[in-house]
Amino acid sequence: MITAANVPNMTDLFYHRWMISTVRYTVLAPNVYTAYGSEMDLFGLRKSGYCDEIEIKTTLSDFKADFKKTGKHGMNKHASLANGTEMANYFSFLVPEDLYHKLCAKMLIPAHAGVYSVNEHGTITERIRAPKLHPRKISDRLIQSMTKKVMYRYWSERWGRHRSARAEQQQQLRLVVNQ
């Protein structure tokens, strides 16, 4: 069963399936903040200069909540995607297979979105290919800005863990010294 706790595993699965076994993306990164102030669960940069946003959803309520988000200029994110004003050239959902079947039965998948499903064995299938939302390629300046944000997040997380481990070692040392 795929749950919200499995999302890091879904991200890893997607990375291995679409970055390593195919050559669709030159960059595939999780949790990338855009210039528009939104966050992409997965950001994929294609060789062509087009970019993909992959939104991971694990429940029907989580999926429905995504349609309440605001995008560029305070507009509804999915209205912005549909009219081509968001950064992503392609937008897809990555969902558990059982959720995919529920979405199809309820006809909830918007025309502007593609869908990948993942089954209980970790196999990812592209169910609906995402349509191109607009022809604008991502600029080098925007790529540089997003890359910096990813780099800062990486280093702050890495050094944060390092500092936490070091503080714990120092605390243990104080306990030994004070005995």
Protein backbone atom coordinates (compact mmCIF):
# COMPACT_ATOMS: atom_id res chain seq x y z
CA MET A 1 0.00 0.00 0.00
CA ILE A 2 1.33 3.42 -0.93
CA THR A 3 0.68 6.13 1.65
CA ALA A 4 1.93 9.62 2.44
CA ALA A 5 4.76 7.98 4.39
CA ASN A 6 5.93 6.38 1.13
CA VAL A 7 6.28 9.66 -0.76
CA PRO A 8 10.11 9.68 -0.48
CA ASN A 9 10.04 6.18 -1.94
CA MET A 10 7.79 7.35 -4.78
CA THR A 11 10.24 10.17 -5.48
CA ASP A 12 13.14 7.71 -5.56
CA LEU A 13 11.21 5.31 -7.78
CA PHE A 14 10.40 8.08 -10.22
CA TYR A 15 14.01 9.21 -10.26
CA HIS A 16 15.28 5.73 -11.03
CA ARG A 17 12.62 5.02 -13.64
CA TRP A 18 12.71 8.27 -15.57
CA MET A 19 16.18 9.66 -14.96
CA ILE A 20 18.30 6.55 -15.10
CA SER A 21 16.41 4.16 -17.35
CA THR A 22 15.36 6.85 -19.85
CA VAL A 23 17.06 9.97 -21.06
CA ARG A 24 14.03 12.23 -20.79
CA TYR A 25 15.57 14.63 -18.25
CA THR A 26 18.95 16.28 -17.86
CA VAL A 27 17.94 17.37 -14.35
CA LEU A 28 15.40 15.77 -12.02
CA ALA A 29 15.19 17.26 -8.53
CA PRO A 30 12.69 17.01 -5.67
CA ASN A 31 11.05 19.93 -3.87
CA VAL A 32 12.18 22.72 -6.14
CA TYR A 33 10.93 26.23 -5.43
CA THR A 34 10.07 28.23 -8.52
CA ALA A 35 10.44 31.91 -9.27
CA TYR A 36 6.66 32.13 -8.85
CA GLY A 37 6.91 31.13 -5.20
CA SER A 38 5.41 27.68 -5.59
CA GLU A 39 7.07 24.34 -4.94
CA MET A 40 7.30 21.45 -7.39
CA ASP A 41 7.36 17.98 -5.83
CA LEU A 42 9.56 16.94 -8.74
CA PHE A 43 11.13 19.28 -11.30
CA GLY A 44 12.35 17.75 -14.55
CA LEU A 45 14.41 19.70 -17.07
CA ARG A 46 14.43 18.17 -20.54
CA LYS A 47 17.30 18.38 -23.00
CA SER A 48 15.03 20.55 -25.14
CA GLY A 49 14.89 23.25 -22.44
CA TYR A 50 11.29 22.46 -21.54
CA CYS A 51 10.42 21.63 -17.97
CA ASP A 52 8.04 19.22 -16.28
CA GLU A 53 6.33 19.53 -12.93
CA ILE A 54 5.36 16.24 -11.32
CA GLU A 55 3.00 16.55 -8.37
CA ILE A 56 2.88 13.55 -6.00
CA LYS A 57 -0.54 12.75 -4.56
CA THR A 58 -1.30 9.77 -2.33
CA THR A 59 -4.99 10.21 -1.46
CA LEU A 60 -8.13 11.49 -3.15
CA SER A 61 -8.45 14.33 -0.62
CA ASP A 62 -4.80 15.31 -1.23
CA PHE A 63 -5.50 15.29 -4.99
CA LYS A 64 -8.60 17.50 -4.60
CA ALA A 65 -6.74 19.91 -2.30
CA ASP A 66 -4.20 20.55 -5.08
CA PHE A 67 -6.92 22.36 -7.03
CA LYS A 68 -7.28 24.94 -4.25
CA LYS A 69 -3.66 26.13 -4.57
CA THR A 70 -2.87 29.51 -6.04
CA GLY A 71 -0.28 29.96 -8.76
CA LYS A 72 1.25 32.89 -10.57
CA HIS A 73 -0.41 36.26 -9.82
CA GLY A 74 -2.67 34.63 -7.21
CA MET A 75 -4.65 32.70 -9.80
CA ASN A 76 -5.76 29.14 -9.22
CA LYS A 77 -2.71 27.00 -10.00
CA HIS A 78 -4.55 24.63 -12.33
CA ALA A 79 -6.23 27.48 -14.21
CA SER A 80 -2.74 28.97 -14.65
CA LEU A 81 -1.38 25.63 -15.86
CA ALA A 82 -4.26 25.18 -18.30
CA ASN A 83 -3.80 28.64 -19.82
CA GLY A 84 0.00 28.33 -20.00
CA THR A 85 1.00 31.03 -17.52
CA GLU A 86 2.86 28.73 -15.11
CA MET A 87 6.52 27.85 -15.66
CA ALA A 88 5.97 24.16 -16.41
CA ASN A 89 5.69 23.15 -20.04
CA TYR A 90 4.27 19.79 -18.94
CA PHE A 91 2.39 18.92 -15.76
CA SER A 92 1.73 15.42 -14.41
CA PHE A 93 0.52 13.70 -11.28
CA LEU A 94 2.33 10.70 -9.76
CA VAL A 95 -0.22 8.63 -7.86
CA PRO A 96 -0.68 5.12 -6.45
CA GLU A 97 -2.36 2.81 -8.94
CA ASP A 98 -5.56 2.47 -6.88
CA LEU A 99 -5.90 6.26 -6.75
CA TYR A 100 -5.43 6.43 -10.52
CA HIS A 101 -8.42 4.10 -10.98
CA LYS A 102 -10.53 6.21 -8.59
CA LEU A 103 -9.60 9.39 -10.49
CA CYS A 104 -10.58 7.78 -13.79
CA ALA A 105 -13.88 6.46 -12.40
CA LYS A 106 -14.77 9.93 -11.08
CA MET A 107 -13.39 11.65 -14.21
CA LEU A 108 -11.23 13.99 -12.11
CA ILE A 109 -8.09 14.13 -14.25
CA PRO A 110 -7.88 17.55 -15.93
CA ALA A 111 -7.10 17.82 -19.64
CA HIS A 112 -3.91 19.79 -18.94
CA ALA A 113 -2.36 17.01 -16.81
CA GLY A 114 -0.57 13.75 -17.43
CA VAL A 115 -0.60 10.88 -14.97
CA TYR A 116 1.97 8.36 -13.81
CA SER A 117 0.85 5.55 -11.54
CA VAL A 118 2.95 3.36 -9.28
CA ASN A 119 1.80 -0.11 -8.23
CA GLU A 120 2.53 -2.06 -5.04
CA HIS A 121 5.68 -3.51 -6.65
CA GLY A 122 7.10 -0.07 -7.40
CA THR A 123 6.50 -0.23 -11.15
CA ILE A 124 5.75 3.19 -12.62
CA THR A 125 3.55 3.47 -15.69
CA GLU A 126 2.87 6.58 -17.72
CA ARG A 127 -0.94 6.35 -17.97
CA ILE A 128 -1.68 9.69 -19.60
CA ARG A 129 0.97 11.66 -21.45
CA ALA A 130 1.01 15.31 -20.40
CA PRO A 131 0.15 17.77 -23.16
CA LYS A 132 2.48 20.69 -23.87
CA LEU A 133 1.04 23.68 -22.02
CA HIS A 134 3.06 26.40 -23.76
CA PRO A 135 6.13 26.67 -26.06
CA ARG A 136 8.34 28.91 -23.88
CA LYS A 137 11.61 27.31 -22.81
CA ILE A 138 12.94 27.87 -19.32
CA SER A 139 15.54 30.65 -19.31
CA ASP A 140 19.14 30.17 -18.24
CA ARG A 141 18.59 32.82 -15.57
CA LEU A 142 15.65 30.90 -14.12
CA ILE A 143 17.59 27.63 -14.20
CA GLN A 144 20.43 29.35 -12.34
CA SER A 145 18.02 30.77 -9.75
CA MET A 146 16.37 27.40 -9.14
CA THR A 147 19.73 25.64 -9.01
CA LYS A 148 20.89 28.05 -6.31
CA LYS A 149 17.78 27.33 -4.26
CA VAL A 150 18.36 23.58 -4.54
CA MET A 151 22.03 24.04 -3.61
CA TYR A 152 21.22 26.21 -0.58
CA ARG A 153 18.62 23.71 0.62
CA TYR A 154 21.06 20.81 0.17
CA TRP A 155 23.87 22.50 2.07
CA SER A 156 21.66 23.83 4.86
CA GLU A 157 20.16 20.36 5.36
CA ARG A 158 23.59 18.75 5.25
CA TRP A 159 25.15 21.22 7.67
CA GLY A 160 22.04 21.17 9.84
CA ARG A 161 22.37 17.39 10.23
CA HIS A 162 26.10 17.79 10.81
CA ARG A 163 25.49 20.41 13.51
CA SER A 164 22.84 18.22 15.15
CA ALA A 165 25.17 15.22 15.20
CA ARG A 166 28.00 17.35 16.58
CA ALA A 167 25.76 18.85 19.28
CA GLU A 168 24.67 15.35 20.27
CA GLN A 169 28.31 14.22 20.49
CA GLN A 170 29.14 17.23 22.66
CA GLN A 171 26.17 16.50 24.93
CA GLN A 172 27.28 12.87 25.32
CA LEU A 173 30.81 14.05 26.10
CA ARG A 174 29.47 16.42 28.79
CA LEU A 175 27.53 13.53 30.34
CA VAL A 176 30.67 11.36 30.43
CA VAL A 177 32.77 14.20 31.88
CA ASN A 178 30.16 15.05 34.53
CA GLN A 179 29.87 11.45 35.83
